[in-house]
C-alpha atoms as a PDB file:
ATOM      1  CA  UNK A   1     -40.721  13.451  23.765  1.00  0.00           C
ATOM      2  CA  UNK A   2     -40.009  15.306  20.541  1.00  0.00           C
ATOM      3  CA  UNK A   3     -36.379  15.919  21.578  1.00  0.00           C
ATOM      4  CA  UNK A   4     -35.953  12.209  22.223  1.00  0.00           C
ATOM      5  CA  UNK A   5     -37.198  11.334  18.712  1.00  0.00           C
ATOM      6  CA  UNK A   6     -34.899  13.905  17.100  1.00  0.00           C
ATOM      7  CA  UNK A   7     -31.930  12.674  19.152  1.00  0.00           C
ATOM      8  CA  UNK A   8     -32.710   9.055  18.201  1.00  0.00           C
ATOM      9  CA  UNK A   9     -32.980   9.953  14.506  1.00  0.00           C
ATOM     10  CA  UNK A  10     -29.664  11.816  14.589  1.00  0.00           C
ATOM     11  CA  UNK A  11     -27.988   8.915  16.399  1.00  0.00           C
ATOM     12  CA  UNK A  12     -29.264   6.425  13.814  1.00  0.00           C
ATOM     13  CA  UNK A  13     -28.067   8.641  10.949  1.00  0.00           C
ATOM     14  CA  UNK A  14     -24.615   8.942  12.512  1.00  0.00           C
ATOM     15  CA  UNK A  15     -24.361   5.179  13.021  1.00  0.00           C
ATOM     16  CA  UNK A  16     -25.495   4.507   9.443  1.00  0.00           C
ATOM     17  CA  UNK A  17     -22.995   7.052   8.129  1.00  0.00           C
ATOM     18  CA  UNK A  18     -20.159   5.381  10.025  1.00  0.00           C
ATOM     19  CA  UNK A  19     -21.180   1.944   8.730  1.00  0.00           C
ATOM     20  CA  UNK A  20     -21.409   3.117   5.110  1.00  0.00           C
ATOM     21  CA  UNK A  21     -18.049   4.875   5.380  1.00  0.00           C
ATOM     22  CA  UNK A  22     -16.434   1.781   6.910  1.00  0.00           C
ATOM     23  CA  UNK A  23     -17.783  -0.566   4.252  1.00  0.00           C
ATOM     24  CA  UNK A  24     -17.017   1.711   1.293  1.00  0.00           C
ATOM     25  CA  UNK A  25     -13.605   2.929   2.452  1.00  0.00           C
ATOM     26  CA  UNK A  26     -11.567  -0.234   2.243  1.00  0.00           C
ATOM     27  CA  UNK A  27      -8.083   0.004   0.807  1.00  0.00           C
ATOM     28  CA  UNK A  28      -8.931  -2.611  -1.803  1.00  0.00           C
ATOM     29  CA  UNK A  29      -5.802  -4.560  -0.921  1.00  0.00           C
ATOM     30  CA  UNK A  30      -5.912  -8.026  -2.402  1.00  0.00           C
ATOM     31  CA  UNK A  31      -2.684  -9.326  -0.858  1.00  0.00           C
ATOM     32  CA  UNK A  32       0.224  -8.017   1.189  1.00  0.00           C
ATOM     33  CA  UNK A  33       3.615  -9.709   0.871  1.00  0.00           C
ATOM     34  CA  UNK A  34       6.898  -9.498   2.769  1.00  0.00           C
ATOM     35  CA  UNK A  35       9.957 -11.028   1.170  1.00  0.00           C
ATOM     36  CA  UNK A  36      13.718 -10.850   0.891  1.00  0.00           C
ATOM     37  CA  UNK A  37      14.683 -10.342  -2.726  1.00  0.00           C
ATOM     38  CA  UNK A  38      17.094  -8.666  -5.109  1.00  0.00           C
ATOM     39  CA  UNK A  39      16.183  -5.524  -7.013  1.00  0.00           C
ATOM     40  CA  UNK A  40      17.183  -6.277 -10.599  1.00  0.00           C
ATOM     41  CA  UNK A  41      16.440  -2.890 -12.154  1.00  0.00           C
ATOM     42  CA  UNK A  42      14.768   0.485 -11.650  1.00  0.00           C
ATOM     43  CA  UNK A  43      12.687   2.391 -14.162  1.00  0.00           C
ATOM     44  CA  UNK A  44      11.120   5.806 -14.349  1.00  0.00           C
ATOM     45  CA  UNK A  45       8.592   7.209 -16.822  1.00  0.00           C
ATOM     46  CA  UNK A  46       5.676   9.615 -17.038  1.00  0.00           C
ATOM     47  CA  UNK A  47       3.448   7.019 -15.327  1.00  0.00           C
ATOM     48  CA  UNK A  48       5.729   6.864 -12.269  1.00  0.00           C
ATOM     49  CA  UNK A  49       8.702   4.941 -10.976  1.00  0.00           C
ATOM     50  CA  UNK A  50       9.068   1.257 -10.192  1.00  0.00           C
ATOM     51  CA  UNK A  51      11.514  -1.505  -9.392  1.00  0.00           C
ATOM     52  CA  UNK A  52      11.799  -4.955 -10.943  1.00  0.00           C
ATOM     53  CA  UNK A  53      12.431  -7.816  -8.513  1.00  0.00           C
ATOM     54  CA  UNK A  54      14.340 -11.057  -9.074  1.00  0.00           C
ATOM     55  CA  UNK A  55      11.033 -12.872  -9.740  1.00  0.00           C
ATOM     56  CA  UNK A  56      10.161 -10.265 -12.443  1.00  0.00           C
ATOM     57  CA  UNK A  57       7.482  -8.534 -10.342  1.00  0.00           C
ATOM     58  CA  UNK A  58       7.050  -4.864 -11.157  1.00  0.00           C
ATOM     59  CA  UNK A  59       6.623  -2.903  -7.911  1.00  0.00           C
ATOM     60  CA  UNK A  60       5.476   0.723  -8.145  1.00  0.00           C
ATOM     61  CA  UNK A  61       7.216   3.142  -5.785  1.00  0.00           C
ATOM     62  CA  UNK A  62       5.008   6.146  -5.052  1.00  0.00           C
ATOM     63  CA  UNK A  63       7.716   8.162  -3.268  1.00  0.00           C
ATOM     64  CA  UNK A  64      10.442   9.339  -5.654  1.00  0.00           C
ATOM     65  CA  UNK A  65      12.923   9.912  -2.807  1.00  0.00           C
ATOM     66  CA  UNK A  66      12.665   6.268  -1.732  1.00  0.00           C
ATOM     67  CA  UNK A  67      12.962   5.080  -5.341  1.00  0.00           C
ATOM     68  CA  UNK A  68      16.089   7.198  -5.822  1.00  0.00           C
ATOM     69  CA  UNK A  69      17.797   5.561  -2.807  1.00  0.00           C
ATOM     70  CA  UNK A  70      17.161   1.974  -3.952  1.00  0.00           C
ATOM     71  CA  UNK A  71      20.212   0.418  -5.628  1.00  0.00           C
ATOM     72  CA  UNK A  72      20.074  -2.093  -8.462  1.00  0.00           C
ATOM     73  CA  UNK A  73      21.508  -5.591  -7.854  1.00  0.00           C
ATOM     74  CA  UNK A  74      21.180  -5.167  -4.076  1.00  0.00           C
ATOM     75  CA  UNK A  75      19.184  -7.371  -1.713  1.00  0.00           C
ATOM     76  CA  UNK A  76      16.344  -5.913   0.349  1.00  0.00           C
ATOM     77  CA  UNK A  77      13.539  -6.973   2.633  1.00  0.00           C
ATOM     78  CA  UNK A  78      10.396  -5.424   1.210  1.00  0.00           C
ATOM     79  CA  UNK A  79       6.697  -5.207   1.923  1.00  0.00           C
ATOM     80  CA  UNK A  80       4.382  -4.626  -1.004  1.00  0.00           C
ATOM     81  CA  UNK A  81       0.646  -4.828  -1.652  1.00  0.00           C
ATOM     82  CA  UNK A  82      -1.411  -5.891  -4.644  1.00  0.00           C
ATOM     83  CA  UNK A  83      -4.340  -3.499  -5.102  1.00  0.00           C
ATOM     84  CA  UNK A  84      -7.618  -4.971  -6.374  1.00  0.00           C
ATOM     85  CA  UNK A  85      -8.684  -1.963  -8.428  1.00  0.00           C
ATOM     86  CA  UNK A  86      -5.392  -1.447 -10.330  1.00  0.00           C
ATOM     87  CA  UNK A  87      -3.934  -4.985 -10.226  1.00  0.00           C
ATOM     88  CA  UNK A  88      -0.539  -3.383  -9.556  1.00  0.00           C
ATOM     89  CA  UNK A  89       1.964  -3.991  -6.777  1.00  0.00           C
ATOM     90  CA  UNK A  90       2.832  -0.980  -4.581  1.00  0.00           C
ATOM     91  CA  UNK A  91       5.853  -0.715  -2.302  1.00  0.00           C
ATOM     92  CA  UNK A  92       5.019  -0.067   1.347  1.00  0.00           C
ATOM     93  CA  UNK A  93       8.341  -0.627   3.166  1.00  0.00           C
ATOM     94  CA  UNK A  94      11.896  -1.458   2.201  1.00  0.00           C
ATOM     95  CA  UNK A  95      15.105  -2.021   4.176  1.00  0.00           C
ATOM     96  CA  UNK A  96      18.559  -3.234   3.090  1.00  0.00           C
ATOM     97  CA  UNK A  97      19.339  -6.909   3.621  1.00  0.00           C
ATOM     98  CA  UNK A  98      21.942  -6.170   6.302  1.00  0.00           C
ATOM     99  CA  UNK A  99      19.189  -4.828   8.586  1.00  0.00           C
ATOM    100  CA  UNK A 100      18.002  -8.446   8.944  1.00  0.00           C
ATOM    101  CA  UNK A 101      14.436  -7.556   8.007  1.00  0.00           C
ATOM    102  CA  UNK A 102      13.923  -5.052  10.837  1.00  0.00           C
ATOM    103  CA  UNK A 103      11.529  -2.254   9.837  1.00  0.00           C
END
């Protein structure tokens, strides 16, 4: 009987831990957007690197190698996300326009 109580208590603690982790570990993504657009300019500073789109959105690019390959005044299909906690847009995927949006 005692083993059954201990096993039940451990099971409940594991389930509660999974629930708390699932609720607290959200990516805090407010919106995700896919669009075809032109990259107007690229910038790099101590805070990171980013691209400016035709609609003047500033998209942060976390991977320097990807940022370095992006060309100004070229059209791309991109996926980016707006994060709730930073209120910044982050690049997730990018392909040249001639790939017809295939990721």
